[in-house]
Amino acid sequence: MSDAFLTIDAALGEGADVELEIKRSRFLTRIRRVSTEEAARAVVEERRSAMFDARHHCSAFILGPDGRIARSSDDGEPAGTAGIPMLTALQHNQLTDVVAVVTRYFGGIKLGAGGLVRAYTDAVAQAVAAVGTRRVRPSRVLRIDVDFASAGAVEDQLRGLVLPSGEQVVVDGVEWSDRAHISVAVPSVCVGELEVSLASLSAGTLTAVQVDERWTDQPG
């Protein structure tokens, strides 16, 4: 996995709605956290359907930990005056896994190309400021095998375990089969700390085996 990345401070499918008025034109921005192109386009189409009387539903989205997928649309505005400025505003904030759609209701006064660029840029910047950002980082999921008699006590210790770096161990759950298999998640950089802590807690009898990787929102 690559390094941590930034997205908006919201759960998947959630975000913020803001409105900006310039010379009687209304710019209604919806920003949402998404993880797929299908989800991003669904946000745009939902807005288009709900506000069918508006002429323009300009959009931009960025996806992937490295921001490799980036798309934008002027949706009838003069070329380069809406989608690209919106995309640039997202990139300026180093965001990914995010979609922004700006619905414009024309107020009767033309803004000109430069005015439109500023308006769409400001609309997205305002939405980002309203929702905030959060960091997402790579985590490792590890399995700790414990005998039945010790499982309860070990699980309790793990749920309250804070590593030397200050990171807390997250217990995902327990699978019962031949033994108790406790799954925990920690930031990738903290695997060594977990191993040392386990050895200390169990006099060297417990070890952790990596079973998966995932992206995890960083608290705070």
Protein backbone atom coordinates (compact mmCIF):
# COMPACT_ATOMS: atom_id res chain seq x y z
CA MET A 1 0.00 0.00 0.00
CA SER A 2 1.05 3.56 -0.61
CA ASP A 3 1.21 6.37 1.93
CA ALA A 4 -1.76 8.01 3.60
CA PHE A 5 -4.06 10.27 1.61
CA LEU A 6 -6.61 13.01 2.31
CA THR A 7 -10.34 12.93 1.64
CA ILE A 8 -13.29 14.90 2.98
CA ASP A 9 -14.27 14.50 6.62
CA ALA A 10 -17.31 12.31 6.03
CA ALA A 11 -18.38 8.70 5.75
CA LEU A 12 -18.80 7.16 2.31
CA GLY A 13 -21.79 8.69 0.56
CA GLU A 14 -21.90 11.67 2.89
CA GLY A 15 -20.54 15.21 2.72
CA ALA A 16 -21.90 18.76 2.60
CA ASP A 17 -24.21 20.99 0.56
CA VAL A 18 -23.48 24.70 0.23
CA GLU A 19 -24.82 27.60 -1.81
CA LEU A 20 -22.99 30.57 -3.30
CA GLU A 21 -24.72 33.52 -4.99
CA ILE A 22 -22.89 35.76 -7.46
CA LYS A 23 -24.71 38.48 -9.41
CA ARG A 24 -28.01 36.70 -8.86
CA SER A 25 -26.66 33.39 -10.22
CA ARG A 26 -26.97 30.60 -7.67
CA PHE A 27 -24.23 27.97 -7.43
CA LEU A 28 -25.38 24.97 -5.37
CA THR A 29 -22.53 22.63 -4.53
CA ARG A 30 -22.84 19.06 -3.36
CA ILE A 31 -19.62 17.37 -2.24
CA ARG A 32 -19.58 13.69 -1.32
CA ARG A 33 -17.06 11.06 -0.34
CA VAL A 34 -17.04 8.17 -2.81
CA SER A 35 -14.79 5.23 -3.61
CA THR A 36 -15.82 4.28 -7.16
CA GLU A 37 -16.49 6.02 -10.46
CA GLU A 38 -19.99 4.53 -10.46
CA ALA A 39 -20.75 6.14 -7.10
CA ALA A 40 -19.33 9.48 -8.24
CA ARG A 41 -21.46 9.55 -11.37
CA ALA A 42 -24.52 8.53 -9.36
CA VAL A 43 -24.11 11.66 -7.20
CA VAL A 44 -24.04 13.81 -10.33
CA GLU A 45 -27.08 12.11 -11.87
CA GLU A 46 -29.06 12.35 -8.63
CA ARG A 47 -28.42 16.08 -8.57
CA ARG A 48 -29.39 16.40 -12.22
CA SER A 49 -32.64 14.55 -11.57
CA ALA A 50 -33.53 16.46 -8.41
CA MET A 51 -32.78 19.86 -9.97
CA PHE A 52 -33.94 19.17 -13.50
CA ASP A 53 -34.86 22.82 -14.08
CA ALA A 54 -31.22 23.98 -13.86
CA ARG A 55 -29.23 24.23 -17.09
CA HIS A 56 -25.82 23.25 -15.73
CA HIS A 57 -24.66 20.48 -13.40
CA CYS A 58 -20.89 20.78 -13.65
CA SER A 59 -18.79 18.16 -11.90
CA ALA A 60 -15.36 16.90 -10.95
CA PHE A 61 -14.17 13.81 -9.12
CA ILE A 62 -10.88 12.22 -8.06
CA LEU A 63 -10.49 8.58 -7.03
CA GLY A 64 -7.84 6.25 -5.67
CA PRO A 65 -5.13 6.60 -3.02
CA ASP A 66 -2.85 8.15 -5.63
CA GLY A 67 -5.59 10.26 -7.23
CA ARG A 68 -4.97 8.50 -10.52
CA ILE A 69 -8.57 8.75 -11.74
CA ALA A 70 -9.64 12.36 -12.30
CA ARG A 71 -12.63 13.47 -14.38
CA SER A 72 -14.45 16.74 -14.92
CA SER A 73 -17.36 18.13 -16.95
CA ASP A 74 -18.36 21.67 -17.96
CA ASP A 75 -21.90 20.43 -18.72
CA GLY A 76 -22.68 23.18 -21.22
CA GLU A 77 -20.68 26.02 -19.68
CA PRO A 78 -17.94 27.49 -21.91
CA ALA A 79 -15.07 25.02 -22.21
CA GLY A 80 -12.62 25.16 -19.33
CA THR A 81 -14.69 27.51 -17.15
CA ALA A 82 -16.27 24.97 -14.76
CA GLY A 83 -15.08 21.35 -14.64
CA ILE A 84 -11.34 22.00 -14.71
CA PRO A 85 -11.49 24.82 -12.12
CA MET A 86 -13.53 22.51 -9.87
CA LEU A 87 -11.04 19.69 -10.33
CA THR A 88 -8.17 22.07 -9.62
CA ALA A 89 -9.84 23.19 -6.39
CA LEU A 90 -10.04 19.56 -5.22
CA GLN A 91 -6.43 18.92 -6.22
CA HIS A 92 -5.31 22.12 -4.49
CA ASN A 93 -6.63 20.59 -1.26
CA GLN A 94 -4.86 17.29 -2.10
CA LEU A 95 -8.16 15.40 -1.93
CA THR A 96 -9.14 12.08 -3.43
CA ASP A 97 -12.14 9.73 -3.18
CA VAL A 98 -14.36 12.78 -3.60
CA VAL A 99 -16.92 14.13 -6.06
CA ALA A 100 -18.22 17.69 -6.36
CA VAL A 101 -21.18 18.76 -8.47
CA VAL A 102 -22.15 22.40 -8.84
CA THR A 103 -25.64 23.16 -10.07
CA ARG A 104 -26.03 26.66 -11.52
CA TYR A 105 -29.23 28.67 -11.78
CA PHE A 106 -28.57 31.62 -14.11
CA GLY A 107 -29.47 34.98 -12.58
CA GLY A 108 -29.67 37.00 -15.77
CA ILE A 109 -26.25 38.65 -15.58
CA LYS A 110 -23.40 37.13 -17.57
CA LEU A 111 -20.25 36.52 -15.54
CA GLY A 112 -17.80 36.08 -18.40
CA ALA A 113 -15.21 33.33 -18.64
CA GLY A 114 -13.04 34.68 -15.84
CA GLY A 115 -16.05 35.18 -13.60
CA LEU A 116 -17.24 31.63 -14.17
CA VAL A 117 -13.81 30.19 -13.38
CA ARG A 118 -13.71 32.11 -10.10
CA ALA A 119 -17.30 31.18 -9.24
CA TYR A 120 -16.88 27.44 -9.77
CA THR A 121 -13.53 27.46 -7.99
CA ASP A 122 -14.98 29.32 -5.02
CA ALA A 123 -18.05 27.07 -4.93
CA VAL A 124 -15.93 23.95 -4.48
CA ALA A 125 -13.49 25.64 -2.08
CA GLN A 126 -16.46 26.72 0.05
CA ALA A 127 -17.80 23.15 0.12
CA VAL A 128 -14.40 21.72 1.13
CA ALA A 129 -14.13 24.28 3.92
CA ALA A 130 -17.62 23.39 5.14
CA VAL A 131 -17.03 19.64 5.32
CA GLY A 132 -13.35 19.60 6.35
CA THR A 133 -10.78 16.90 5.58
CA ARG A 134 -9.53 13.71 7.15
CA ARG A 135 -6.51 11.50 6.63
CA VAL A 136 -6.83 7.88 5.52
CA ARG A 137 -3.88 5.60 6.12
CA PRO A 138 -2.87 2.02 5.40
CA SER A 139 -3.53 -0.49 8.15
CA ARG A 140 -2.69 -4.14 8.67
CA VAL A 141 -5.21 -6.69 9.87
CA LEU A 142 -3.57 -9.37 12.00
CA ARG A 143 -4.82 -12.58 13.60
CA ILE A 144 -3.86 -13.64 17.10
CA ASP A 145 -4.60 -17.27 17.99
CA VAL A 146 -5.51 -17.90 21.61
CA ASP A 147 -6.73 -20.94 23.54
CA PHE A 148 -10.35 -20.84 24.68
CA ALA A 149 -9.54 -20.40 28.36
CA SER A 150 -7.48 -17.27 27.75
CA ALA A 151 -9.52 -15.73 24.93
CA GLY A 152 -11.71 -13.45 27.04
CA ALA A 153 -8.85 -11.99 29.04
CA VAL A 154 -6.64 -11.49 25.96
CA GLU A 155 -9.46 -9.82 24.05
CA ASP A 156 -10.07 -7.41 26.94
CA GLN A 157 -6.37 -6.55 27.08
CA LEU A 158 -6.25 -5.93 23.32
CA ARG A 159 -9.33 -3.69 23.39
CA GLY A 160 -7.62 -1.43 25.89
CA LEU A 161 -4.14 -1.66 24.42
CA VAL A 162 -2.45 1.60 23.47
CA LEU A 163 0.86 1.20 21.65
CA PRO A 164 3.97 3.26 22.56
CA SER A 165 3.30 5.58 19.61
CA GLY A 166 -0.09 6.44 21.13
CA GLU A 167 -2.07 4.42 18.57
CA GLN A 168 -4.87 2.22 19.90
CA VAL A 169 -5.33 -1.35 18.75
CA VAL A 170 -8.70 -1.94 17.07
CA VAL A 171 -10.29 -5.34 17.70
CA ASP A 172 -12.29 -6.37 14.62
CA GLY A 173 -13.79 -9.51 16.11
CA VAL A 174 -13.25 -13.07 17.24
CA GLU A 175 -13.72 -16.24 15.20
CA TRP A 176 -14.20 -19.45 17.12
CA SER A 177 -12.99 -22.73 15.61
CA ASP A 178 -10.20 -24.95 16.88
CA ARG A 179 -9.05 -21.94 18.90
CA ALA A 180 -10.11 -18.33 19.33
CA HIS A 181 -8.83 -16.26 16.41
CA ILE A 182 -8.82 -12.59 17.39
CA SER A 183 -8.54 -10.11 14.50
CA VAL A 184 -7.02 -6.72 15.19
CA ALA A 185 -6.10 -3.73 13.04
CA VAL A 186 -3.20 -1.32 13.54
CA PRO A 187 -1.51 1.28 11.30
CA SER A 188 1.02 -0.44 9.08
CA VAL A 189 3.91 1.42 10.71
CA CYS A 190 2.89 0.07 14.13
CA VAL A 191 3.04 -3.68 13.46
CA GLY A 192 6.41 -3.94 15.20
CA GLU A 193 5.03 -2.16 18.28
CA LEU A 194 2.12 -4.60 18.42
CA GLU A 195 4.45 -7.59 18.27
CA VAL A 196 6.55 -6.21 21.14
CA SER A 197 3.44 -5.45 23.20
CA LEU A 198 2.04 -8.94 22.62
CA ALA A 199 5.29 -10.52 23.73
CA SER A 200 5.26 -8.41 26.87
CA LEU A 201 1.63 -9.21 27.68
CA SER A 202 2.01 -12.96 27.20
CA ALA A 203 5.62 -13.67 28.16
CA GLY A 204 6.31 -14.41 24.51
CA THR A 205 3.51 -16.92 23.93
CA LEU A 206 1.33 -14.79 21.62
CA THR A 207 2.18 -13.77 18.08
CA ALA A 208 0.29 -11.96 15.31
CA VAL A 209 -0.03 -13.12 11.70
CA GLN A 210 -0.99 -10.65 8.99
CA VAL A 211 -4.15 -11.66 7.12
CA ASP A 212 -5.18 -8.52 5.26
CA GLU A 213 -4.53 -4.85 4.45
CA ARG A 214 -7.03 -2.01 4.31
CA TRP A 215 -7.41 1.74 4.37
CA THR A 216 -8.52 3.17 7.73
CA ASP A 217 -9.71 6.65 8.64
CA GLN A 218 -7.37 8.36 11.04
CA PRO A 219 -9.26 9.61 14.11
CA GLY A 220 -9.13 13.25 15.07
